[in-house]
């Protein structure tokens, strides 16, 4: 009889451990899912931050290139204007020198 009582208690203990083990497994699965979701969300956030940073950098480069282009165009216009003025000054000087020679 003692053996049957011990066998019954062992069976009850095993059933209790089995139920406890099942709950533990469910909790472990939920924890794993939660960790996976958190990591996925963090990776998505990091990807979005990198993408936004690259967009901002691209816009800054485009803006800088536009400003450089405008400055280059302005410098070219200034150079052409200065060259034109220098030609006129040179022409005026040559004409004046020619008059001086004629009058002498």
PDB file of N, CA and C in Angstrom:
ATOM      1  N   UNK A   1       0.819  -1.182   0.000  1.00  0.00           N
ATOM      2  CA  UNK A   1       0.000   0.000   0.000  1.00  0.00           C
ATOM      3  C   UNK A   1       0.872   1.257   0.000  1.00  0.00           C
ATOM      4  N   UNK A   2       1.936   1.155   0.708  1.00  0.00           N
ATOM      5  CA  UNK A   2       2.836   2.308   0.716  1.00  0.00           C
ATOM      6  C   UNK A   2       3.332   2.585  -0.693  1.00  0.00           C
ATOM      7  N   UNK A   3       3.615   1.557  -1.410  1.00  0.00           N
ATOM      8  CA  UNK A   3       4.120   1.707  -2.753  1.00  0.00           C
ATOM      9  C   UNK A   3       3.077   2.387  -3.632  1.00  0.00           C
ATOM     10  N   UNK A   4       1.818   2.027  -3.491  1.00  0.00           N
ATOM     11  CA  UNK A   4       0.775   2.635  -4.315  1.00  0.00           C
ATOM     12  C   UNK A   4       0.546   4.084  -3.921  1.00  0.00           C
ATOM     13  N   UNK A   5       0.710   4.423  -2.639  1.00  0.00           N
ATOM     14  CA  UNK A   5       0.567   5.822  -2.222  1.00  0.00           C
ATOM     15  C   UNK A   5       1.740   6.638  -2.773  1.00  0.00           C
ATOM     16  N   UNK A   6       2.947   6.085  -2.696  1.00  0.00           N
ATOM     17  CA  UNK A   6       4.109   6.782  -3.233  1.00  0.00           C
ATOM     18  C   UNK A   6       3.996   6.942  -4.747  1.00  0.00           C
ATOM     19  N   UNK A   7       3.478   5.904  -5.400  1.00  0.00           N
ATOM     20  CA  UNK A   7       3.287   5.973  -6.848  1.00  0.00           C
ATOM     21  C   UNK A   7       2.267   7.052  -7.189  1.00  0.00           C
ATOM     22  N   UNK A   8       1.192   7.140  -6.407  1.00  0.00           N
ATOM     23  CA  UNK A   8       0.158   8.158  -6.630  1.00  0.00           C
ATOM     24  C   UNK A   8       0.701   9.560  -6.412  1.00  0.00           C
ATOM     25  N   UNK A   9       1.493   9.728  -5.340  1.00  0.00           N
ATOM     26  CA  UNK A   9       2.095  11.038  -5.065  1.00  0.00           C
ATOM     27  C   UNK A   9       3.095  11.426  -6.166  1.00  0.00           C
ATOM     28  N   UNK A  10       3.846  10.456  -6.637  1.00  0.00           N
ATOM     29  CA  UNK A  10       4.798  10.700  -7.706  1.00  0.00           C
ATOM     30  C   UNK A  10       4.070  11.136  -8.972  1.00  0.00           C
ATOM     31  N   UNK A  11       2.944  10.471  -9.240  1.00  0.00           N
ATOM     32  CA  UNK A  11       2.137  10.807 -10.408  1.00  0.00           C
ATOM     33  C   UNK A  11       1.580  12.220 -10.294  1.00  0.00           C
ATOM     34  N   UNK A  12       1.097  12.591  -9.104  1.00  0.00           N
ATOM     35  CA  UNK A  12       0.578  13.950  -8.893  1.00  0.00           C
ATOM     36  C   UNK A  12       1.698  14.992  -9.025  1.00  0.00           C
ATOM     37  N   UNK A  13       2.863  14.674  -8.476  1.00  0.00           N
ATOM     38  CA  UNK A  13       3.994  15.598  -8.568  1.00  0.00           C
ATOM     39  C   UNK A  13       4.417  15.778 -10.025  1.00  0.00           C
ATOM     40  N   UNK A  14       4.440  14.696 -10.760  1.00  0.00           N
ATOM     41  CA  UNK A  14       4.822  14.770 -12.176  1.00  0.00           C
ATOM     42  C   UNK A  14       3.804  15.595 -12.952  1.00  0.00           C
ATOM     43  N   UNK A  15       2.526  15.420 -12.665  1.00  0.00           N
ATOM     44  CA  UNK A  15       1.487  16.191 -13.344  1.00  0.00           C
ATOM     45  C   UNK A  15       1.629  17.675 -13.004  1.00  0.00           C
ATOM     46  N   UNK A  16       1.926  17.983 -11.742  1.00  0.00           N
ATOM     47  CA  UNK A  16       2.122  19.371 -11.321  1.00  0.00           C
ATOM     48  C   UNK A  16       3.325  19.997 -12.014  1.00  0.00           C
ATOM     49  N   UNK A  17       4.426  19.245 -12.101  1.00  0.00           N
ATOM     50  CA  UNK A  17       5.614  19.742 -12.783  1.00  0.00           C
ATOM     51  C   UNK A  17       5.363  19.934 -14.273  1.00  0.00           C
ATOM     52  N   UNK A  18       4.569  19.028 -14.832  1.00  0.00           N
ATOM     53  CA  UNK A  18       4.247  19.123 -16.245  1.00  0.00           C
ATOM     54  C   UNK A  18       3.466  20.403 -16.516  1.00  0.00           C
ATOM     55  N   UNK A  19       2.498  20.722 -15.669  1.00  0.00           N
ATOM     56  CA  UNK A  19       1.708  21.941 -15.838  1.00  0.00           C
ATOM     57  C   UNK A  19       2.599  23.163 -15.630  1.00  0.00           C
ATOM     58  N   UNK A  20       3.450  23.105 -14.634  1.00  0.00           N
ATOM     59  CA  UNK A  20       4.360  24.215 -14.362  1.00  0.00           C
ATOM     60  C   UNK A  20       5.314  24.406 -15.538  1.00  0.00           C
ATOM     61  N   UNK A  21       5.810  23.337 -16.072  1.00  0.00           N
ATOM     62  CA  UNK A  21       6.727  23.393 -17.192  1.00  0.00           C
ATOM     63  C   UNK A  21       6.042  23.992 -18.418  1.00  0.00           C
ATOM     64  N   UNK A  22       4.776  23.687 -18.626  1.00  0.00           N
ATOM     65  CA  UNK A  22       4.024  24.220 -19.760  1.00  0.00           C
ATOM     66  C   UNK A  22       3.861  25.731 -19.630  1.00  0.00           C
ATOM     67  N   UNK A  23       3.569  26.209 -18.425  1.00  0.00           N
ATOM     68  CA  UNK A  23       3.431  27.642 -18.190  1.00  0.00           C
ATOM     69  C   UNK A  23       4.772  28.340 -18.411  1.00  0.00           C
ATOM     70  N   UNK A  24       5.812  27.692 -17.927  1.00  0.00           N
ATOM     71  CA  UNK A  24       7.147  28.263 -18.104  1.00  0.00           C
ATOM     72  C   UNK A  24       7.490  28.347 -19.580  1.00  0.00           C
ATOM     73  N   UNK A  25       7.151  27.339 -20.327  1.00  0.00           N
ATOM     74  CA  UNK A  25       7.417  27.328 -21.763  1.00  0.00           C
ATOM     75  C   UNK A  25       6.626  28.437 -22.462  1.00  0.00           C
ATOM     76  N   UNK A  26       5.350  28.593 -22.078  1.00  0.00           N
ATOM     77  CA  UNK A  26       4.538  29.666 -22.667  1.00  0.00           C
ATOM     78  C   UNK A  26       5.138  31.036 -22.365  1.00  0.00           C
ATOM     79  N   UNK A  27       5.569  31.225 -21.109  1.00  0.00           N
ATOM     80  CA  UNK A  27       6.180  32.501 -20.730  1.00  0.00           C
ATOM     81  C   UNK A  27       7.477  32.738 -21.503  1.00  0.00           C
ATOM     82  N   UNK A  28       8.236  31.691 -21.670  1.00  0.00           N
ATOM     83  CA  UNK A  28       9.486  31.806 -22.409  1.00  0.00           C
ATOM     84  C   UNK A  28       9.222  32.168 -23.871  1.00  0.00           C
ATOM     85  N   UNK A  29       8.211  31.568 -24.469  1.00  0.00           N
ATOM     86  CA  UNK A  29       7.858  31.887 -25.851  1.00  0.00           C
ATOM     87  C   UNK A  29       7.407  33.337 -25.974  1.00  0.00           C
ATOM     88  N   UNK A  30       6.591  33.785 -25.021  1.00  0.00           N
ATOM     89  CA  UNK A  30       6.118  35.173 -25.049  1.00  0.00           C
ATOM     90  C   UNK A  30       7.283  36.147 -24.880  1.00  0.00           C
ATOM     91  N   UNK A  31       8.213  35.795 -24.016  1.00  0.00           N
ATOM     92  CA  UNK A  31       9.385  36.646 -23.810  1.00  0.00           C
ATOM     93  C   UNK A  31      10.227  36.705 -25.085  1.00  0.00           C
ATOM     94  N   UNK A  32      10.408  35.565 -25.712  1.00  0.00           N
ATOM     95  CA  UNK A  32      11.159  35.523 -26.969  1.00  0.00           C
ATOM     96  C   UNK A  32      10.486  36.344 -28.052  1.00  0.00           C
ATOM     97  N   UNK A  33       9.171  36.243 -28.154  1.00  0.00           N
ATOM     98  CA  UNK A  33       8.434  37.034 -29.140  1.00  0.00           C
ATOM     99  C   UNK A  33       8.590  38.529 -28.858  1.00  0.00           C
ATOM    100  N   UNK A  34       8.500  38.889 -27.589  1.00  0.00           N
ATOM    101  CA  UNK A  34       8.622  40.288 -27.205  1.00  0.00           C
ATOM    102  C   UNK A  34      10.006  40.828 -27.542  1.00  0.00           C
ATOM    103  N   UNK A  35      11.035  40.038 -27.240  1.00  0.00           N
ATOM    104  CA  UNK A  35      12.403  40.457 -27.556  1.00  0.00           C
ATOM    105  C   UNK A  35      12.563  40.606 -29.076  1.00  0.00           C
ATOM    106  N   UNK A  36      12.033  39.662 -29.825  1.00  0.00           N
ATOM    107  CA  UNK A  36      12.115  39.738 -31.291  1.00  0.00           C
ATOM    108  C   UNK A  36      11.418  40.969 -31.827  1.00  0.00           C
ATOM    109  N   UNK A  37      10.241  41.274 -31.295  1.00  0.00           N
ATOM    110  CA  UNK A  37       9.500  42.460 -31.740  1.00  0.00           C
ATOM    111  C   UNK A  37      10.267  43.738 -31.409  1.00  0.00           C
ATOM    112  N   UNK A  38      10.839  43.788 -30.197  1.00  0.00           N
ATOM    113  CA  UNK A  38      11.606  44.968 -29.795  1.00  0.00           C
ATOM    114  C   UNK A  38      12.823  45.161 -30.697  1.00  0.00           C
ATOM    115  N   UNK A  39      13.514  44.085 -31.008  1.00  0.00           N
ATOM    116  CA  UNK A  39      14.700  44.177 -31.865  1.00  0.00           C
ATOM    117  C   UNK A  39      14.314  44.594 -33.279  1.00  0.00           C
ATOM    118  N   UNK A  40      13.217  44.064 -33.772  1.00  0.00           N
ATOM    119  CA  UNK A  40      12.754  44.421 -35.110  1.00  0.00           C
ATOM    120  C   UNK A  40      12.386  45.899 -35.173  1.00  0.00           C
ATOM    121  N   UNK A  41      11.682  46.372 -34.143  1.00  0.00           N
ATOM    122  CA  UNK A  41      11.282  47.779 -34.085  1.00  0.00           C
ATOM    123  C   UNK A  41      12.527  48.680 -33.997  1.00  0.00           C
ATOM    124  N   UNK A  42      13.506  48.277 -33.194  1.00  0.00           N
ATOM    125  CA  UNK A  42      14.739  49.062 -33.062  1.00  0.00           C
ATOM    126  C   UNK A  42      15.497  49.102 -34.384  1.00  0.00           C
ATOM    127  N   UNK A  43      15.541  47.981 -35.093  1.00  0.00           N
ATOM    128  CA  UNK A  43      16.219  47.943 -36.391  1.00  0.00           C
ATOM    129  C   UNK A  43      15.497  48.841 -37.402  1.00  0.00           C
ATOM    130  N   UNK A  44      14.173  48.820 -37.386  1.00  0.00           N
ATOM    131  CA  UNK A  44      13.403  49.685 -38.284  1.00  0.00           C
ATOM    132  C   UNK A  44      13.667  51.157 -37.974  1.00  0.00           C
ATOM    133  N   UNK A  45      13.681  51.502 -36.669  1.00  0.00           N
ATOM    134  CA  UNK A  45      13.940  52.885 -36.263  1.00  0.00           C
ATOM    135  C   UNK A  45      15.339  53.320 -36.687  1.00  0.00           C
ATOM    136  N   UNK A  46      16.313  52.439 -36.504  1.00  0.00           N
ATOM    137  CA  UNK A  46      17.693  52.765 -36.900  1.00  0.00           C
ATOM    138  C   UNK A  46      17.776  52.957 -38.416  1.00  0.00           C
ATOM    139  N   UNK A  47      17.109  52.094 -39.160  1.00  0.00           N
ATOM    140  CA  UNK A  47      17.106  52.229 -40.622  1.00  0.00           C
ATOM    141  C   UNK A  47      16.475  53.538 -41.062  1.00  0.00           C
ATOM    142  N   UNK A  48      15.380  53.917 -40.417  1.00  0.00           N
ATOM    143  CA  UNK A  48      14.721  55.181 -40.759  1.00  0.00           C
ATOM    144  C   UNK A  48      15.613  56.366 -40.426  1.00  0.00           C
ATOM    145  N   UNK A  49      16.301  56.297 -39.291  1.00  0.00           N
ATOM    146  CA  UNK A  49      17.196  57.393 -38.907  1.00  0.00           C
ATOM    147  C   UNK A  49      18.346  57.526 -39.902  1.00  0.00           C
ATOM    148  N   UNK A  50      18.901  56.406 -40.325  1.00  0.00           N
ATOM    149  CA  UNK A  50      19.989  56.435 -41.309  1.00  0.00           C
ATOM    150  C   UNK A  50      19.479  57.001 -42.629  1.00  0.00           C
ATOM    151  N   UNK A  51      18.307  56.559 -43.047  1.00  0.00           N
ATOM    152  CA  UNK A  51      17.727  57.032 -44.306  1.00  0.00           C
ATOM    153  C   UNK A  51      17.490  58.536 -44.260  1.00  0.00           C
ATOM    154  N   UNK A  52      16.940  59.023 -43.139  1.00  0.00           N
ATOM    155  CA  UNK A  52      16.700  60.464 -42.997  1.00  0.00           C
ATOM    156  C   UNK A  52      18.006  61.240 -43.005  1.00  0.00           C
ATOM    157  N   UNK A  53      19.018  60.697 -42.346  1.00  0.00           N
ATOM    158  CA  UNK A  53      20.323  61.355 -42.333  1.00  0.00           C
ATOM    159  C   UNK A  53      20.927  61.438 -43.718  1.00  0.00           C
ATOM    160  N   UNK A  54      20.792  60.375 -44.487  1.00  0.00           N
ATOM    161  CA  UNK A  54      21.308  60.377 -45.859  1.00  0.00           C
ATOM    162  C   UNK A  54      20.546  61.367 -46.731  1.00  0.00           C
ATOM    163  N   UNK A  55      19.227  61.452 -46.526  1.00  0.00           N
ATOM    164  CA  UNK A  55      18.431  62.430 -47.283  1.00  0.00           C
ATOM    165  C   UNK A  55      18.894  63.844 -46.968  1.00  0.00           C
ATOM    166  N   UNK A  56      19.098  64.132 -45.673  1.00  0.00           N
ATOM    167  CA  UNK A  56      19.558  65.463 -45.271  1.00  0.00           C
ATOM    168  C   UNK A  56      20.927  65.771 -45.870  1.00  0.00           C
ATOM    169  N   UNK A  57      21.815  64.792 -45.851  1.00  0.00           N
ATOM    170  CA  UNK A  57      23.151  64.993 -46.420  1.00  0.00           C
ATOM    171  C   UNK A  57      23.064  65.257 -47.917  1.00  0.00           C
ATOM    172  N   UNK A  58      22.216  64.520 -48.601  1.00  0.00           N
ATOM    173  CA  UNK A  58      22.041  64.723 -50.041  1.00  0.00           C
ATOM    174  C   UNK A  58      21.510  66.111 -50.353  1.00  0.00           C
ATOM    175  N   UNK A  59      20.563  66.563 -49.549  1.00  0.00           N
ATOM    176  CA  UNK A  59      20.015  67.907 -49.762  1.00  0.00           C
ATOM    177  C   UNK A  59      21.071  68.978 -49.504  1.00  0.00           C
ATOM    178  N   UNK A  60      21.889  68.762 -48.477  1.00  0.00           N
ATOM    179  CA  UNK A  60      22.954  69.728 -48.182  1.00  0.00           C
ATOM    180  C   UNK A  60      23.970  69.771 -49.318  1.00  0.00           C
ATOM    181  N   UNK A  61      24.310  68.619 -49.861  1.00  0.00           N
ATOM    182  CA  UNK A  61      25.256  68.570 -50.986  1.00  0.00           C
ATOM    183  C   UNK A  61      24.666  69.270 -52.203  1.00  0.00           C
ATOM    184  N   UNK A  62      23.396  69.002 -52.491  1.00  0.00           N
ATOM    185  CA  UNK A  62      22.744  69.661 -53.630  1.00  0.00           C
ATOM    186  C   UNK A  62      22.724  71.170 -53.451  1.00  0.00           C
ATOM    187  N   UNK A  63      22.395  71.606 -52.245  1.00  0.00           N
ATOM    188  CA  UNK A  63      22.333  73.043 -51.968  1.00  0.00           C
ATOM    189  C   UNK A  63      23.713  73.677 -52.115  1.00  0.00           C
ATOM    190  N   UNK A  64      24.730  72.996 -51.587  1.00  0.00           N
ATOM    191  CA  UNK A  64      26.096  73.508 -51.720  1.00  0.00           C
ATOM    192  C   UNK A  64      26.533  73.576 -53.168  1.00  0.00           C
ATOM    193  N   UNK A  65      26.189  72.550 -53.923  1.00  0.00           N
ATOM    194  CA  UNK A  65      26.542  72.537 -55.348  1.00  0.00           C
ATOM    195  C   UNK A  65      25.842  73.669 -56.080  1.00  0.00           C
ATOM    196  N   UNK A  66      24.591  73.925 -55.736  1.00  0.00           N
ATOM    197  CA  UNK A  66      23.864  75.037 -56.371  1.00  0.00           C
ATOM    198  C   UNK A  66      24.525  76.373 -56.052  1.00  0.00           C
ATOM    199  N   UNK A  67      24.940  76.552 -54.783  1.00  0.00           N
ATOM    200  CA  UNK A  67      25.588  77.810 -54.394  1.00  0.00           C
ATOM    201  C   UNK A  67      26.938  77.968 -55.099  1.00  0.00           C
ATOM    202  N   UNK A  68      27.672  76.871 -55.223  1.00  0.00           N
ATOM    203  CA  UNK A  68      28.957  76.931 -55.924  1.00  0.00           C
ATOM    204  C   UNK A  68      28.732  77.277 -57.397  1.00  0.00           C
ATOM    205  N   UNK A  69      27.711  76.672 -57.988  1.00  0.00           N
ATOM    206  CA  UNK A  69      27.397  76.969 -59.390  1.00  0.00           C
ATOM    207  C   UNK A  69      27.028  78.427 -59.583  1.00  0.00           C
ATOM    208  N   UNK A  70      26.232  78.966 -58.663  1.00  0.00           N
ATOM    209  CA  UNK A  70      25.836  80.371 -58.764  1.00  0.00           C
ATOM    210  C   UNK A  70      27.047  81.285 -58.585  1.00  0.00           C
ATOM    211  N   UNK A  71      27.909  80.951 -57.646  1.00  0.00           N
ATOM    212  CA  UNK A  71      29.107  81.771 -57.428  1.00  0.00           C
ATOM    213  C   UNK A  71      30.039  81.714 -58.638  1.00  0.00           C
ATOM    214  N   UNK A  72      30.151  80.548 -59.239  1.00  0.00           N
ATOM    215  CA  UNK A  72      30.991  80.389 -60.430  1.00  0.00           C
ATOM    216  C   UNK A  72      30.438  81.217 -61.585  1.00  0.00           C
ATOM    217  N   UNK A  73      29.113  81.156 -61.764  1.00  0.00           N
ATOM    218  CA  UNK A  73      28.488  81.949 -62.833  1.00  0.00           C
ATOM    219  C   UNK A  73      28.707  83.438 -62.602  1.00  0.00           C
ATOM    220  N   UNK A  74      28.570  83.862 -61.354  1.00  0.00           N
ATOM    221  CA  UNK A  74      28.758  85.283 -61.032  1.00  0.00           C
ATOM    222  C   UNK A  74      30.213  85.699 -61.266  1.00  0.00           C
ATOM    223  N   UNK A  75      31.150  84.831 -60.888  1.00  0.00           N
ATOM    224  CA  UNK A  75      32.568  85.133 -61.106  1.00  0.00           C
ATOM    225  C   UNK A  75      32.875  85.219 -62.595  1.00  0.00           C
ATOM    226  N   UNK A  76      32.285  84.344 -63.387  1.00  0.00           N
ATOM    227  CA  UNK A  76      32.503  84.379 -64.840  1.00  0.00           C
ATOM    228  C   UNK A  76      31.943  85.667 -65.427  1.00  0.00           C
ATOM    229  N   UNK A  77      30.789  86.090 -64.981  1.00  0.00           N
ATOM    230  CA  UNK A  77      30.197  87.339 -65.464  1.00  0.00           C
ATOM    231  C   UNK A  77      31.059  88.530 -65.085  1.00  0.00           C
ATOM    232  N   UNK A  78      31.544  88.522 -63.831  1.00  0.00           N
ATOM    233  CA  UNK A  78      32.432  89.607 -63.388  1.00  0.00           C
ATOM    234  C   UNK A  78      33.700  89.650 -64.237  1.00  0.00           C
ATOM    235  N   UNK A  79      34.275  88.474 -64.531  1.00  0.00           N
ATOM    236  CA  UNK A  79      35.497  88.412 -65.325  1.00  0.00           C
ATOM    237  C   UNK A  79      35.252  88.945 -66.736  1.00  0.00           C
ATOM    238  N   UNK A  80      34.116  88.598 -67.323  1.00  0.00           N
ATOM    239  CA  UNK A  80      33.797  89.092 -68.668  1.00  0.00           C
ATOM    240  C   UNK A  80      33.617  90.612 -68.653  1.00  0.00           C
ATOM    241  N   UNK A  81      32.947  91.099 -67.609  1.00  0.00           N
ATOM    242  CA  UNK A  81      32.732  92.544 -67.510  1.00  0.00           C
ATOM    243  C   UNK A  81      34.076  93.266 -67.344  1.00  0.00           C
ATOM    244  N   UNK A  82      34.936  92.735 -66.491  1.00  0.00           N
ATOM    245  CA  UNK A  82      36.254  93.341 -66.272  1.00  0.00           C
ATOM    246  C   UNK A  82      37.094  93.294 -67.541  1.00  0.00           C
ATOM    247  N   UNK A  83      37.009  92.170 -68.263  1.00  0.00           N
ATOM    248  CA  UNK A  83      37.772  92.051 -69.518  1.00  0.00           C
ATOM    249  C   UNK A  83      37.274  93.075 -70.532  1.00  0.00           C
ATOM    250  N   UNK A  84      35.956  93.256 -70.583  1.00  0.00           N
ATOM    251  CA  UNK A  84      35.393  94.258 -71.504  1.00  0.00           C
ATOM    252  C   UNK A  84      35.843  95.663 -71.149  1.00  0.00           C
ATOM    253  N   UNK A  85      35.845  95.956 -69.854  1.00  0.00           N
ATOM    254  CA  UNK A  85      36.293  97.275 -69.415  1.00  0.00           C
ATOM    255  C   UNK A  85      37.782  97.475 -69.729  1.00  0.00           C
ATOM    256  N   UNK A  86      38.561  96.428 -69.521  1.00  0.00           N
ATOM    257  CA  UNK A  86      40.001  96.519 -69.806  1.00  0.00           C
ATOM    258  C   UNK A  86      40.236  96.760 -71.291  1.00  0.00           C
ATOM    259  N   UNK A  87      39.457  96.106 -72.150  1.00  0.00           N
ATOM    260  CA  UNK A  87      39.590  96.305 -73.599  1.00  0.00           C
ATOM    261  C   UNK A  87      39.256  97.746 -73.964  1.00  0.00           C
ATOM    262  N   UNK A  88      38.167  98.265 -73.366  1.00  0.00           N
ATOM    263  CA  UNK A  88      37.785  99.652 -73.674  1.00  0.00           C
ATOM    264  C   UNK A  88      38.859 100.633 -73.182  1.00  0.00           C
ATOM    265  N   UNK A  89      39.361 100.359 -71.980  1.00  0.00           N
ATOM    266  CA  UNK A  89      40.419 101.235 -71.446  1.00  0.00           C
ATOM    267  C   UNK A  89      41.655 101.197 -72.339  1.00  0.00           C
ATOM    268  N   UNK A  90      42.007 100.011 -72.782  1.00  0.00           N
ATOM    269  CA  UNK A  90      43.169  99.858 -73.661  1.00  0.00           C
ATOM    270  C   UNK A  90      42.922 100.579 -74.978  1.00  0.00           C
ATOM    271  N   UNK A  91      41.725 100.442 -75.513  1.00  0.00           N
ATOM    272  CA  UNK A  91      41.378 101.127 -76.769  1.00  0.00           C
ATOM    273  C   UNK A  91      41.428 102.634 -76.601  1.00  0.00           C
ATOM    274  N   UNK A  92      40.864 103.114 -75.486  1.00  0.00           N
ATOM    275  CA  UNK A  92      40.887 104.556 -75.232  1.00  0.00           C
ATOM    276  C   UNK A  92      42.329 105.053 -75.113  1.00  0.00           C
ATOM    277  N   UNK A  93      43.167 104.276 -74.408  1.00  0.00           N
ATOM    278  CA  UNK A  93      44.573 104.667 -74.235  1.00  0.00           C
ATOM    279  C   UNK A  93      45.294 104.695 -75.571  1.00  0.00           C
ATOM    280  N   UNK A  94      45.033 103.720 -76.421  1.00  0.00           N
ATOM    281  CA  UNK A  94      45.678 103.696 -77.740  1.00  0.00           C
ATOM    282  C   UNK A  94      45.225 104.870 -78.596  1.00  0.00           C
ATOM    283  N   UNK A  95      43.948 105.199 -78.523  1.00  0.00           N
ATOM    284  CA  UNK A  95      43.446 106.340 -79.290  1.00  0.00           C
ATOM    285  C   UNK A  95      44.086 107.639 -78.793  1.00  0.00           C
ATOM    286  N   UNK A  96      44.195 107.749 -77.487  1.00  0.00           N
ATOM    287  CA  UNK A  96      44.790 108.943 -76.914  1.00  0.00           C
ATOM    288  C   UNK A  96      46.271 109.053 -77.306  1.00  0.00           C
ATOM    289  N   UNK A  97      46.931 107.896 -77.279  1.00  0.00           N
ATOM    290  CA  UNK A  97      48.341 107.891 -77.675  1.00  0.00           C
ATOM    291  C   UNK A  97      48.471 108.251 -79.149  1.00  0.00           C
ATOM    292  N   UNK A  98      47.556 107.774 -79.964  1.00  0.00           N
ATOM    293  CA  UNK A  98      47.568 108.105 -81.382  1.00  0.00           C
ATOM    294  C   UNK A  98      47.353 109.585 -81.605  1.00  0.00           C
ATOM    295  N   UNK A  99      46.439 110.193 -80.868  1.00  0.00           N
ATOM    296  CA  UNK A  99      46.200 111.641 -80.995  1.00  0.00           C
ATOM    297  C   UNK A  99      47.434 112.453 -80.573  1.00  0.00           C
ATOM    298  N   UNK A 100      48.024 111.956 -79.465  1.00  0.00           N
ATOM    299  CA  UNK A 100      49.228 112.660 -78.978  1.00  0.00           C
ATOM    300  C   UNK A 100      50.332 112.626 -80.042  1.00  0.00           C
ATOM    301  N   UNK A 101      50.491 111.474 -80.682  1.00  0.00           N
ATOM    302  CA  UNK A 101      51.509 111.346 -81.723  1.00  0.00           C
ATOM    303  C   UNK A 101      51.183 112.239 -82.927  1.00  0.00           C
ATOM    304  N   UNK A 102      49.923 112.334 -83.243  1.00  0.00           N
ATOM    305  CA  UNK A 102      49.499 113.133 -84.388  1.00  0.00           C
ATOM    306  C   UNK A 102      49.718 114.600 -84.106  1.00  0.00           C
ATOM    307  N   UNK A 103      49.485 115.009 -82.874  1.00  0.00           N
ATOM    308  CA  UNK A 103      49.620 116.415 -82.512  1.00  0.00           C
ATOM    309  C   UNK A 103      51.071 116.831 -82.338  1.00  0.00           C
ATOM    310  N   UNK A 104      51.924 115.909 -82.145  1.00  0.00           N
ATOM    311  CA  UNK A 104      53.335 116.277 -81.949  1.00  0.00           C
ATOM    312  C   UNK A 104      54.009 116.564 -83.208  1.00  0.00           C
TER     313      UNK A 104
END
